[in-house]
Protein backbone atom coordinates (compact mmCIF):
# COMPACT_ATOMS: atom_id res chain seq x y z
CA UNK A 1 0.00 0.00 0.00
CA UNK A 2 1.29 3.45 -0.97
CA UNK A 3 2.45 5.34 2.11
CA UNK A 4 0.51 8.56 1.51
CA UNK A 5 -2.70 6.56 1.32
CA UNK A 6 -1.74 4.86 4.56
CA UNK A 7 -1.18 8.20 6.30
CA UNK A 8 -4.59 9.41 5.13
CA UNK A 9 -6.15 6.36 6.75
CA UNK A 10 -4.31 7.10 10.00
CA UNK A 11 -6.26 10.34 10.38
CA UNK A 12 -9.43 8.22 10.59
CA UNK A 13 -7.80 5.73 12.93
CA UNK A 14 -7.06 8.40 15.55
CA UNK A 15 -10.78 8.77 16.23
CA UNK A 16 -11.65 5.07 16.35
CA UNK A 17 -12.49 3.41 19.65
CA UNK A 18 -10.11 0.63 20.66
CA UNK A 19 -11.61 -2.84 20.13
CA UNK A 20 -9.63 -3.97 23.18
CA UNK A 21 -9.33 -7.35 24.83
CA UNK A 22 -12.06 -8.98 22.73
CA UNK A 23 -9.97 -8.59 19.58
CA UNK A 24 -6.71 -9.45 21.33
CA UNK A 25 -8.09 -12.74 22.62
CA UNK A 26 -8.90 -13.92 19.10
CA UNK A 27 -5.16 -14.62 18.77
CA UNK A 28 -4.68 -16.10 22.25
CA UNK A 29 -4.05 -19.82 22.83
CA UNK A 30 -7.20 -21.35 24.34
CA UNK A 31 -5.34 -22.71 27.35
CA UNK A 32 -4.14 -19.23 28.14
CA UNK A 33 -7.54 -17.54 28.10
CA UNK A 34 -8.53 -18.57 31.61
CA UNK A 35 -5.02 -17.86 32.87
CA UNK A 36 -5.27 -14.33 31.54
CA UNK A 37 -8.69 -13.81 33.08
CA UNK A 38 -7.52 -15.09 36.47
CA UNK A 39 -4.25 -13.18 36.60
CA UNK A 40 -4.59 -10.00 34.57
CA UNK A 41 -6.21 -7.96 37.31
CA UNK A 42 -4.47 -9.56 40.28
CA UNK A 43 -0.82 -8.84 39.61
CA UNK A 44 0.24 -5.96 41.83
CA UNK A 45 3.97 -6.57 41.40
CA UNK A 46 4.10 -6.90 37.61
CA UNK A 47 6.88 -5.09 35.74
CA UNK A 48 5.87 -2.63 33.04
CA UNK A 49 7.02 -2.26 29.45
CA UNK A 50 6.28 -0.12 26.40
CA UNK A 51 6.42 -1.36 22.80
CA UNK A 52 5.96 0.27 19.39
CA UNK A 53 4.10 -0.94 16.32
CA UNK A 54 6.09 1.19 13.88
CA UNK A 55 5.15 1.76 10.24
CA UNK A 56 7.29 3.37 7.55
CA UNK A 57 7.67 3.71 3.77
CA UNK A 58 10.24 1.61 1.95
CA UNK A 59 12.38 3.07 -0.81
CA UNK A 60 9.46 2.69 -3.25
CA UNK A 61 6.95 4.38 -0.88
CA UNK A 62 5.24 1.10 0.02
CA UNK A 63 4.11 0.86 3.65
CA UNK A 64 5.83 -1.63 5.97
CA UNK A 65 5.69 -2.67 9.63
CA UNK A 66 8.91 -3.46 11.48
CA UNK A 67 9.15 -6.45 13.83
CA UNK A 68 12.20 -7.97 15.48
CA UNK A 69 13.45 -11.49 16.09
CA UNK A 70 14.81 -11.61 19.62
CA UNK A 71 18.12 -13.23 20.49
CA UNK A 72 18.17 -16.69 22.06
CA UNK A 73 18.61 -16.33 25.81
CA UNK A 74 17.44 -17.85 29.09
CA UNK A 75 13.94 -16.42 29.23
CA UNK A 76 10.34 -17.04 28.24
CA UNK A 77 10.53 -14.85 25.11
CA UNK A 78 13.80 -16.26 23.79
CA UNK A 79 13.96 -16.45 19.99
CA UNK A 80 10.48 -15.04 19.50
CA UNK A 81 9.22 -12.36 17.13
CA UNK A 82 8.17 -9.17 18.86
CA UNK A 83 7.93 -5.41 18.66
CA UNK A 84 10.77 -3.04 19.41
CA UNK A 85 10.34 -2.01 23.03
CA UNK A 86 11.18 -3.04 26.54
CA UNK A 87 11.11 -2.51 30.28
CA UNK A 88 10.17 0.78 31.95
CA UNK A 89 13.21 2.42 33.53
CA UNK A 90 13.26 5.05 36.31
CA UNK A 91 14.49 7.74 33.89
CA UNK A 92 11.41 7.28 31.68
CA UNK A 93 8.65 9.81 32.43
CA UNK A 94 6.02 7.30 31.29
CA UNK A 95 5.56 4.19 29.13
CA UNK A 96 5.25 6.35 26.02
CA UNK A 97 8.84 7.48 26.61
CA UNK A 98 9.85 3.88 27.34
CA UNK A 99 8.53 2.74 23.95
CA UNK A 100 10.33 5.57 22.14
CA UNK A 101 13.63 5.02 23.99
CA UNK A 102 13.62 1.26 23.54
CA UNK A 103 12.70 1.53 19.85
CA UNK A 104 15.68 3.80 19.27
CA UNK A 105 17.98 1.49 21.23
CA UNK A 106 16.84 -1.74 19.59
CA UNK A 107 16.39 -0.76 15.93
CA UNK A 108 18.18 2.58 15.62
CA UNK A 109 15.18 4.76 14.73
CA UNK A 110 15.47 8.14 16.45
CA UNK A 111 12.65 8.85 18.88
CA UNK A 112 12.54 12.39 17.50
CA UNK A 113 11.39 11.00 14.12
CA UNK A 114 8.57 8.81 15.43
CA UNK A 115 5.04 10.20 15.27
CA UNK A 116 2.76 8.29 17.62
CA UNK A 117 -0.78 7.85 16.30
CA UNK A 118 -2.52 5.85 19.00
CA UNK A 119 -2.14 4.30 22.41
CA UNK A 120 -3.39 0.72 22.16
CA UNK A 121 -4.91 -1.61 24.75
CA UNK A 122 -2.49 -2.69 27.45
CA UNK A 123 -1.90 -6.39 28.04
CA UNK A 124 -0.78 -8.55 30.91
CA UNK A 125 1.68 -11.35 29.99
CA UNK A 126 1.58 -14.09 32.66
CA UNK A 127 4.76 -16.06 31.76
CA UNK A 128 7.02 -13.01 32.22
CA UNK A 129 4.77 -11.10 34.68
CA UNK A 130 4.77 -7.94 32.57
CA UNK A 131 2.08 -5.40 31.81
CA UNK A 132 2.81 -4.17 28.29
CA UNK A 133 1.55 -0.87 26.89
CA UNK A 134 1.65 -0.86 23.05
CA UNK A 135 1.69 2.25 20.89
CA UNK A 136 1.20 2.66 17.16
CA UNK A 137 3.38 5.12 15.25
CA UNK A 138 5.14 5.91 12.00
CA UNK A 139 8.11 7.68 10.47
CA UNK A 140 7.96 9.72 7.28
CA UNK A 141 10.90 8.18 5.44
CA UNK A 142 12.73 4.88 5.16
CA UNK A 143 14.69 4.45 8.42
CA UNK A 144 18.39 3.75 8.66
CA UNK A 145 17.83 0.67 10.79
CA UNK A 146 20.57 -0.43 13.18
CA UNK A 147 19.80 -3.58 15.16
CA UNK A 148 21.05 -3.74 18.75
CA UNK A 149 23.49 -6.70 18.67
CA UNK A 150 22.81 -7.85 22.23
CA UNK A 151 19.00 -7.92 21.85
CA UNK A 152 18.03 -8.35 18.21
CA UNK A 153 18.82 -11.34 16.02
CA UNK A 154 17.09 -9.99 12.88
CA UNK A 155 14.86 -7.18 11.65
CA UNK A 156 11.64 -8.30 9.96
CA UNK A 157 10.24 -5.80 7.46
CA UNK A 158 6.61 -6.79 6.82
CA UNK A 159 4.73 -5.22 3.88
CA UNK A 160 1.39 -3.84 5.03
CA UNK A 161 -0.46 -5.62 2.22
CA UNK A 162 1.03 -8.91 3.43
CA UNK A 163 0.07 -8.21 7.05
CA UNK A 164 -3.55 -7.43 6.09
CA UNK A 165 -3.95 -10.57 3.94
CA UNK A 166 -6.28 -13.05 5.67
CA UNK A 167 -4.10 -15.95 4.49
CA UNK A 168 -1.40 -15.03 7.03
CA UNK A 169 -3.62 -16.24 9.92
CA UNK A 170 -2.68 -19.83 10.77
CA UNK A 171 -2.79 -22.47 13.52
CA UNK A 172 0.52 -23.83 14.76
CA UNK A 173 1.43 -26.57 17.22
CA UNK A 174 4.10 -25.26 19.60
CA UNK A 175 5.75 -26.04 22.90
CA UNK A 176 5.57 -22.95 25.12
CA UNK A 177 6.66 -21.92 28.59
CA UNK A 178 3.31 -23.13 29.94
CA UNK A 179 2.27 -26.08 27.72
CA UNK A 180 3.68 -28.85 25.52
CA UNK A 181 2.45 -29.34 21.95
CA UNK A 182 -0.35 -26.77 22.19
CA UNK A 183 -2.17 -25.46 19.13
CA UNK A 184 -1.99 -21.67 18.97
CA UNK A 185 -3.40 -19.07 16.58
CA UNK A 186 -0.59 -17.18 14.85
CA UNK A 187 0.41 -14.95 11.97
CA UNK A 188 2.81 -16.24 9.32
CA UNK A 189 4.72 -13.12 8.31
CA UNK A 190 7.83 -13.10 6.13
CA UNK A 191 8.24 -16.84 6.85
CA UNK A 192 8.16 -16.28 10.63
CA UNK A 193 5.50 -17.63 12.98
CA UNK A 194 4.26 -14.77 15.16
CA UNK A 195 2.22 -15.85 18.17
CA UNK A 196 1.47 -15.07 21.80
CA UNK A 197 1.35 -11.49 23.07
CA UNK A 198 2.77 -10.09 19.83
CA UNK A 199 0.02 -11.74 17.78
CA UNK A 200 -2.60 -10.51 20.24
CA UNK A 201 -1.40 -6.91 19.93
CA UNK A 202 -1.16 -7.27 16.16
CA UNK A 203 -4.80 -8.41 16.16
CA UNK A 204 -5.85 -5.02 17.51
CA UNK A 205 -3.56 -3.15 15.10
CA UNK A 206 -4.96 -5.17 12.19
CA UNK A 207 -8.56 -4.56 13.23
CA UNK A 208 -8.00 -0.79 13.47
CA UNK A 209 -6.28 -0.64 10.08
CA UNK A 210 -8.93 -2.71 8.33
CA UNK A 211 -11.59 -0.40 9.80
CA UNK A 212 -9.78 2.77 8.73
CA UNK A 213 -8.66 1.71 5.24
C-alpha atoms as a PDB file:
ATOM      1  CA  UNK A   1       0.000   0.000   0.000  1.00  0.00           C
ATOM      2  CA  UNK A   2       1.293   3.445  -0.969  1.00  0.00           C
ATOM      3  CA  UNK A   3       2.446   5.337   2.112  1.00  0.00           C
ATOM      4  CA  UNK A   4       0.513   8.564   1.509  1.00  0.00           C
ATOM      5  CA  UNK A   5      -2.696   6.559   1.316  1.00  0.00           C
ATOM      6  CA  UNK A   6      -1.743   4.856   4.562  1.00  0.00           C
ATOM      7  CA  UNK A   7      -1.178   8.198   6.298  1.00  0.00           C
ATOM      8  CA  UNK A   8      -4.592   9.415   5.132  1.00  0.00           C
ATOM      9  CA  UNK A   9      -6.154   6.361   6.749  1.00  0.00           C
ATOM     10  CA  UNK A  10      -4.307   7.100   9.998  1.00  0.00           C
ATOM     11  CA  UNK A  11      -6.259  10.338  10.377  1.00  0.00           C
ATOM     12  CA  UNK A  12      -9.433   8.216  10.592  1.00  0.00           C
ATOM     13  CA  UNK A  13      -7.795   5.729  12.926  1.00  0.00           C
ATOM     14  CA  UNK A  14      -7.061   8.402  15.547  1.00  0.00           C
ATOM     15  CA  UNK A  15     -10.781   8.774  16.235  1.00  0.00           C
ATOM     16  CA  UNK A  16     -11.646   5.072  16.350  1.00  0.00           C
ATOM     17  CA  UNK A  17     -12.485   3.406  19.650  1.00  0.00           C
ATOM     18  CA  UNK A  18     -10.112   0.626  20.657  1.00  0.00           C
ATOM     19  CA  UNK A  19     -11.609  -2.844  20.130  1.00  0.00           C
ATOM     20  CA  UNK A  20      -9.634  -3.967  23.181  1.00  0.00           C
ATOM     21  CA  UNK A  21      -9.328  -7.351  24.828  1.00  0.00           C
ATOM     22  CA  UNK A  22     -12.061  -8.982  22.734  1.00  0.00           C
ATOM     23  CA  UNK A  23      -9.972  -8.586  19.584  1.00  0.00           C
ATOM     24  CA  UNK A  24      -6.707  -9.451  21.333  1.00  0.00           C
ATOM     25  CA  UNK A  25      -8.093 -12.736  22.621  1.00  0.00           C
ATOM     26  CA  UNK A  26      -8.896 -13.919  19.096  1.00  0.00           C
ATOM     27  CA  UNK A  27      -5.162 -14.623  18.773  1.00  0.00           C
ATOM     28  CA  UNK A  28      -4.680 -16.099  22.253  1.00  0.00           C
ATOM     29  CA  UNK A  29      -4.046 -19.825  22.828  1.00  0.00           C
ATOM     30  CA  UNK A  30      -7.203 -21.350  24.338  1.00  0.00           C
ATOM     31  CA  UNK A  31      -5.344 -22.715  27.353  1.00  0.00           C
ATOM     32  CA  UNK A  32      -4.139 -19.228  28.143  1.00  0.00           C
ATOM     33  CA  UNK A  33      -7.540 -17.544  28.097  1.00  0.00           C
ATOM     34  CA  UNK A  34      -8.530 -18.565  31.611  1.00  0.00           C
ATOM     35  CA  UNK A  35      -5.017 -17.860  32.874  1.00  0.00           C
ATOM     36  CA  UNK A  36      -5.267 -14.327  31.545  1.00  0.00           C
ATOM     37  CA  UNK A  37      -8.689 -13.807  33.083  1.00  0.00           C
ATOM     38  CA  UNK A  38      -7.519 -15.088  36.473  1.00  0.00           C
ATOM     39  CA  UNK A  39      -4.248 -13.177  36.605  1.00  0.00           C
ATOM     40  CA  UNK A  40      -4.591 -10.004  34.565  1.00  0.00           C
ATOM     41  CA  UNK A  41      -6.211  -7.955  37.315  1.00  0.00           C
ATOM     42  CA  UNK A  42      -4.474  -9.560  40.280  1.00  0.00           C
ATOM     43  CA  UNK A  43      -0.824  -8.838  39.610  1.00  0.00           C
ATOM     44  CA  UNK A  44       0.235  -5.956  41.827  1.00  0.00           C
ATOM     45  CA  UNK A  45       3.969  -6.570  41.400  1.00  0.00           C
ATOM     46  CA  UNK A  46       4.100  -6.899  37.614  1.00  0.00           C
ATOM     47  CA  UNK A  47       6.876  -5.089  35.745  1.00  0.00           C
ATOM     48  CA  UNK A  48       5.866  -2.627  33.043  1.00  0.00           C
ATOM     49  CA  UNK A  49       7.016  -2.256  29.447  1.00  0.00           C
ATOM     50  CA  UNK A  50       6.283  -0.121  26.405  1.00  0.00           C
ATOM     51  CA  UNK A  51       6.421  -1.364  22.801  1.00  0.00           C
ATOM     52  CA  UNK A  52       5.960   0.267  19.395  1.00  0.00           C
ATOM     53  CA  UNK A  53       4.102  -0.942  16.315  1.00  0.00           C
ATOM     54  CA  UNK A  54       6.092   1.188  13.878  1.00  0.00           C
ATOM     55  CA  UNK A  55       5.152   1.756  10.236  1.00  0.00           C
ATOM     56  CA  UNK A  56       7.291   3.370   7.552  1.00  0.00           C
ATOM     57  CA  UNK A  57       7.671   3.713   3.767  1.00  0.00           C
ATOM     58  CA  UNK A  58      10.240   1.607   1.953  1.00  0.00           C
ATOM     59  CA  UNK A  59      12.384   3.066  -0.814  1.00  0.00           C
ATOM     60  CA  UNK A  60       9.462   2.690  -3.249  1.00  0.00           C
ATOM     61  CA  UNK A  61       6.950   4.384  -0.878  1.00  0.00           C
ATOM     62  CA  UNK A  62       5.240   1.101   0.021  1.00  0.00           C
ATOM     63  CA  UNK A  63       4.109   0.857   3.646  1.00  0.00           C
ATOM     64  CA  UNK A  64       5.830  -1.628   5.968  1.00  0.00           C
ATOM     65  CA  UNK A  65       5.694  -2.666   9.625  1.00  0.00           C
ATOM     66  CA  UNK A  66       8.909  -3.460  11.481  1.00  0.00           C
ATOM     67  CA  UNK A  67       9.149  -6.447  13.829  1.00  0.00           C
ATOM     68  CA  UNK A  68      12.204  -7.971  15.475  1.00  0.00           C
ATOM     69  CA  UNK A  69      13.453 -11.492  16.092  1.00  0.00           C
ATOM     70  CA  UNK A  70      14.810 -11.606  19.620  1.00  0.00           C
ATOM     71  CA  UNK A  71      18.116 -13.234  20.490  1.00  0.00           C
ATOM     72  CA  UNK A  72      18.166 -16.690  22.059  1.00  0.00           C
ATOM     73  CA  UNK A  73      18.606 -16.331  25.807  1.00  0.00           C
ATOM     74  CA  UNK A  74      17.436 -17.854  29.090  1.00  0.00           C
ATOM     75  CA  UNK A  75      13.944 -16.422  29.233  1.00  0.00           C
ATOM     76  CA  UNK A  76      10.336 -17.042  28.241  1.00  0.00           C
ATOM     77  CA  UNK A  77      10.526 -14.853  25.110  1.00  0.00           C
ATOM     78  CA  UNK A  78      13.801 -16.261  23.786  1.00  0.00           C
ATOM     79  CA  UNK A  79      13.964 -16.450  19.989  1.00  0.00           C
ATOM     80  CA  UNK A  80      10.476 -15.037  19.496  1.00  0.00           C
ATOM     81  CA  UNK A  81       9.223 -12.364  17.126  1.00  0.00           C
ATOM     82  CA  UNK A  82       8.170  -9.166  18.855  1.00  0.00           C
ATOM     83  CA  UNK A  83       7.928  -5.411  18.656  1.00  0.00           C
ATOM     84  CA  UNK A  84      10.768  -3.044  19.407  1.00  0.00           C
ATOM     85  CA  UNK A  85      10.336  -2.006  23.028  1.00  0.00           C
ATOM     86  CA  UNK A  86      11.176  -3.038  26.539  1.00  0.00           C
ATOM     87  CA  UNK A  87      11.113  -2.506  30.280  1.00  0.00           C
ATOM     88  CA  UNK A  88      10.167   0.776  31.948  1.00  0.00           C
ATOM     89  CA  UNK A  89      13.209   2.422  33.529  1.00  0.00           C
ATOM     90  CA  UNK A  90      13.261   5.053  36.307  1.00  0.00           C
ATOM     91  CA  UNK A  91      14.495   7.739  33.895  1.00  0.00           C
ATOM     92  CA  UNK A  92      11.406   7.282  31.681  1.00  0.00           C
ATOM     93  CA  UNK A  93       8.654   9.806  32.425  1.00  0.00           C
ATOM     94  CA  UNK A  94       6.020   7.302  31.290  1.00  0.00           C
ATOM     95  CA  UNK A  95       5.555   4.186  29.135  1.00  0.00           C
ATOM     96  CA  UNK A  96       5.252   6.354  26.020  1.00  0.00           C
ATOM     97  CA  UNK A  97       8.839   7.479  26.613  1.00  0.00           C
ATOM     98  CA  UNK A  98       9.848   3.878  27.339  1.00  0.00           C
ATOM     99  CA  UNK A  99       8.532   2.737  23.954  1.00  0.00           C
ATOM    100  CA  UNK A 100      10.334   5.568  22.144  1.00  0.00           C
ATOM    101  CA  UNK A 101      13.627   5.025  23.985  1.00  0.00           C
ATOM    102  CA  UNK A 102      13.623   1.256  23.538  1.00  0.00           C
ATOM    103  CA  UNK A 103      12.701   1.527  19.848  1.00  0.00           C
ATOM    104  CA  UNK A 104      15.684   3.796  19.268  1.00  0.00           C
ATOM    105  CA  UNK A 105      17.984   1.488  21.225  1.00  0.00           C
ATOM    106  CA  UNK A 106      16.839  -1.742  19.589  1.00  0.00           C
ATOM    107  CA  UNK A 107      16.393  -0.765  15.930  1.00  0.00           C
ATOM    108  CA  UNK A 108      18.180   2.584  15.618  1.00  0.00           C
ATOM    109  CA  UNK A 109      15.176   4.761  14.735  1.00  0.00           C
ATOM    110  CA  UNK A 110      15.473   8.142  16.449  1.00  0.00           C
ATOM    111  CA  UNK A 111      12.653   8.848  18.885  1.00  0.00           C
ATOM    112  CA  UNK A 112      12.540  12.395  17.495  1.00  0.00           C
ATOM    113  CA  UNK A 113      11.393  11.000  14.123  1.00  0.00           C
ATOM    114  CA  UNK A 114       8.568   8.813  15.431  1.00  0.00           C
ATOM    115  CA  UNK A 115       5.039  10.202  15.273  1.00  0.00           C
ATOM    116  CA  UNK A 116       2.757   8.286  17.618  1.00  0.00           C
ATOM    117  CA  UNK A 117      -0.779   7.846  16.300  1.00  0.00           C
ATOM    118  CA  UNK A 118      -2.522   5.853  18.999  1.00  0.00           C
ATOM    119  CA  UNK A 119      -2.137   4.301  22.415  1.00  0.00           C
ATOM    120  CA  UNK A 120      -3.387   0.723  22.163  1.00  0.00           C
ATOM    121  CA  UNK A 121      -4.914  -1.613  24.749  1.00  0.00           C
ATOM    122  CA  UNK A 122      -2.487  -2.691  27.454  1.00  0.00           C
ATOM    123  CA  UNK A 123      -1.903  -6.389  28.039  1.00  0.00           C
ATOM    124  CA  UNK A 124      -0.777  -8.552  30.910  1.00  0.00           C
ATOM    125  CA  UNK A 125       1.679 -11.351  29.989  1.00  0.00           C
ATOM    126  CA  UNK A 126       1.579 -14.092  32.664  1.00  0.00           C
ATOM    127  CA  UNK A 127       4.764 -16.062  31.762  1.00  0.00           C
ATOM    128  CA  UNK A 128       7.016 -13.014  32.222  1.00  0.00           C
ATOM    129  CA  UNK A 129       4.770 -11.103  34.684  1.00  0.00           C
ATOM    130  CA  UNK A 130       4.773  -7.940  32.568  1.00  0.00           C
ATOM    131  CA  UNK A 131       2.084  -5.400  31.813  1.00  0.00           C
ATOM    132  CA  UNK A 132       2.812  -4.171  28.288  1.00  0.00           C
ATOM    133  CA  UNK A 133       1.552  -0.874  26.891  1.00  0.00           C
ATOM    134  CA  UNK A 134       1.652  -0.863  23.054  1.00  0.00           C
ATOM    135  CA  UNK A 135       1.693   2.249  20.891  1.00  0.00           C
ATOM    136  CA  UNK A 136       1.204   2.657  17.157  1.00  0.00           C
ATOM    137  CA  UNK A 137       3.384   5.115  15.254  1.00  0.00           C
ATOM    138  CA  UNK A 138       5.140   5.907  11.998  1.00  0.00           C
ATOM    139  CA  UNK A 139       8.108   7.680  10.472  1.00  0.00           C
ATOM    140  CA  UNK A 140       7.960   9.720   7.276  1.00  0.00           C
ATOM    141  CA  UNK A 141      10.905   8.175   5.442  1.00  0.00           C
ATOM    142  CA  UNK A 142      12.734   4.876   5.163  1.00  0.00           C
ATOM    143  CA  UNK A 143      14.691   4.447   8.419  1.00  0.00           C
ATOM    144  CA  UNK A 144      18.387   3.746   8.660  1.00  0.00           C
ATOM    145  CA  UNK A 145      17.834   0.674  10.793  1.00  0.00           C
ATOM    146  CA  UNK A 146      20.568  -0.430  13.176  1.00  0.00           C
ATOM    147  CA  UNK A 147      19.798  -3.576  15.164  1.00  0.00           C
ATOM    148  CA  UNK A 148      21.049  -3.735  18.752  1.00  0.00           C
ATOM    149  CA  UNK A 149      23.485  -6.700  18.671  1.00  0.00           C
ATOM    150  CA  UNK A 150      22.813  -7.849  22.232  1.00  0.00           C
ATOM    151  CA  UNK A 151      18.998  -7.919  21.854  1.00  0.00           C
ATOM    152  CA  UNK A 152      18.033  -8.351  18.207  1.00  0.00           C
ATOM    153  CA  UNK A 153      18.818 -11.343  16.021  1.00  0.00           C
ATOM    154  CA  UNK A 154      17.090  -9.993  12.881  1.00  0.00           C
ATOM    155  CA  UNK A 155      14.864  -7.177  11.648  1.00  0.00           C
ATOM    156  CA  UNK A 156      11.644  -8.297   9.959  1.00  0.00           C
ATOM    157  CA  UNK A 157      10.236  -5.798   7.455  1.00  0.00           C
ATOM    158  CA  UNK A 158       6.611  -6.788   6.819  1.00  0.00           C
ATOM    159  CA  UNK A 159       4.731  -5.224   3.879  1.00  0.00           C
ATOM    160  CA  UNK A 160       1.390  -3.838   5.034  1.00  0.00           C
ATOM    161  CA  UNK A 161      -0.465  -5.623   2.225  1.00  0.00           C
ATOM    162  CA  UNK A 162       1.027  -8.913   3.432  1.00  0.00           C
ATOM    163  CA  UNK A 163       0.069  -8.215   7.048  1.00  0.00           C
ATOM    164  CA  UNK A 164      -3.548  -7.433   6.088  1.00  0.00           C
ATOM    165  CA  UNK A 165      -3.949 -10.573   3.944  1.00  0.00           C
ATOM    166  CA  UNK A 166      -6.278 -13.054   5.668  1.00  0.00           C
ATOM    167  CA  UNK A 167      -4.100 -15.949   4.486  1.00  0.00           C
ATOM    168  CA  UNK A 168      -1.400 -15.030   7.035  1.00  0.00           C
ATOM    169  CA  UNK A 169      -3.624 -16.241   9.916  1.00  0.00           C
ATOM    170  CA  UNK A 170      -2.679 -19.829  10.770  1.00  0.00           C
ATOM    171  CA  UNK A 171      -2.794 -22.466  13.517  1.00  0.00           C
ATOM    172  CA  UNK A 172       0.524 -23.831  14.757  1.00  0.00           C
ATOM    173  CA  UNK A 173       1.429 -26.574  17.223  1.00  0.00           C
ATOM    174  CA  UNK A 174       4.102 -25.257  19.596  1.00  0.00           C
ATOM    175  CA  UNK A 175       5.755 -26.036  22.904  1.00  0.00           C
ATOM    176  CA  UNK A 176       5.573 -22.951  25.117  1.00  0.00           C
ATOM    177  CA  UNK A 177       6.659 -21.919  28.593  1.00  0.00           C
ATOM    178  CA  UNK A 178       3.308 -23.129  29.937  1.00  0.00           C
ATOM    179  CA  UNK A 179       2.271 -26.077  27.721  1.00  0.00           C
ATOM    180  CA  UNK A 180       3.680 -28.852  25.521  1.00  0.00           C
ATOM    181  CA  UNK A 181       2.450 -29.342  21.954  1.00  0.00           C
ATOM    182  CA  UNK A 182      -0.355 -26.773  22.193  1.00  0.00           C
ATOM    183  CA  UNK A 183      -2.169 -25.457  19.128  1.00  0.00           C
ATOM    184  CA  UNK A 184      -1.989 -21.669  18.968  1.00  0.00           C
ATOM    185  CA  UNK A 185      -3.396 -19.067  16.577  1.00  0.00           C
ATOM    186  CA  UNK A 186      -0.590 -17.180  14.853  1.00  0.00           C
ATOM    187  CA  UNK A 187       0.406 -14.953  11.966  1.00  0.00           C
ATOM    188  CA  UNK A 188       2.809 -16.243   9.321  1.00  0.00           C
ATOM    189  CA  UNK A 189       4.720 -13.121   8.311  1.00  0.00           C
ATOM    190  CA  UNK A 190       7.828 -13.102   6.131  1.00  0.00           C
ATOM    191  CA  UNK A 191       8.239 -16.844   6.850  1.00  0.00           C
ATOM    192  CA  UNK A 192       8.158 -16.276  10.629  1.00  0.00           C
ATOM    193  CA  UNK A 193       5.498 -17.631  12.976  1.00  0.00           C
ATOM    194  CA  UNK A 194       4.265 -14.768  15.161  1.00  0.00           C
ATOM    195  CA  UNK A 195       2.220 -15.851  18.167  1.00  0.00           C
ATOM    196  CA  UNK A 196       1.474 -15.067  21.803  1.00  0.00           C
ATOM    197  CA  UNK A 197       1.353 -11.493  23.074  1.00  0.00           C
ATOM    198  CA  UNK A 198       2.774 -10.086  19.826  1.00  0.00           C
ATOM    199  CA  UNK A 199       0.021 -11.741  17.784  1.00  0.00           C
ATOM    200  CA  UNK A 200      -2.605 -10.506  20.238  1.00  0.00           C
ATOM    201  CA  UNK A 201      -1.396  -6.910  19.934  1.00  0.00           C
ATOM    202  CA  UNK A 202      -1.163  -7.273  16.156  1.00  0.00           C
ATOM    203  CA  UNK A 203      -4.796  -8.414  16.159  1.00  0.00           C
ATOM    204  CA  UNK A 204      -5.854  -5.020  17.507  1.00  0.00           C
ATOM    205  CA  UNK A 205      -3.561  -3.153  15.100  1.00  0.00           C
ATOM    206  CA  UNK A 206      -4.961  -5.169  12.186  1.00  0.00           C
ATOM    207  CA  UNK A 207      -8.563  -4.559  13.227  1.00  0.00           C
ATOM    208  CA  UNK A 208      -8.001  -0.792  13.467  1.00  0.00           C
ATOM    209  CA  UNK A 209      -6.282  -0.643  10.077  1.00  0.00           C
ATOM    210  CA  UNK A 210      -8.931  -2.706   8.330  1.00  0.00           C
ATOM    211  CA  UNK A 211     -11.590  -0.402   9.798  1.00  0.00           C
ATOM    212  CA  UNK A 212      -9.785   2.768   8.728  1.00  0.00           C
ATOM    213  CA  UNK A 213      -8.660   1.713   5.243  1.00  0.00           C
END
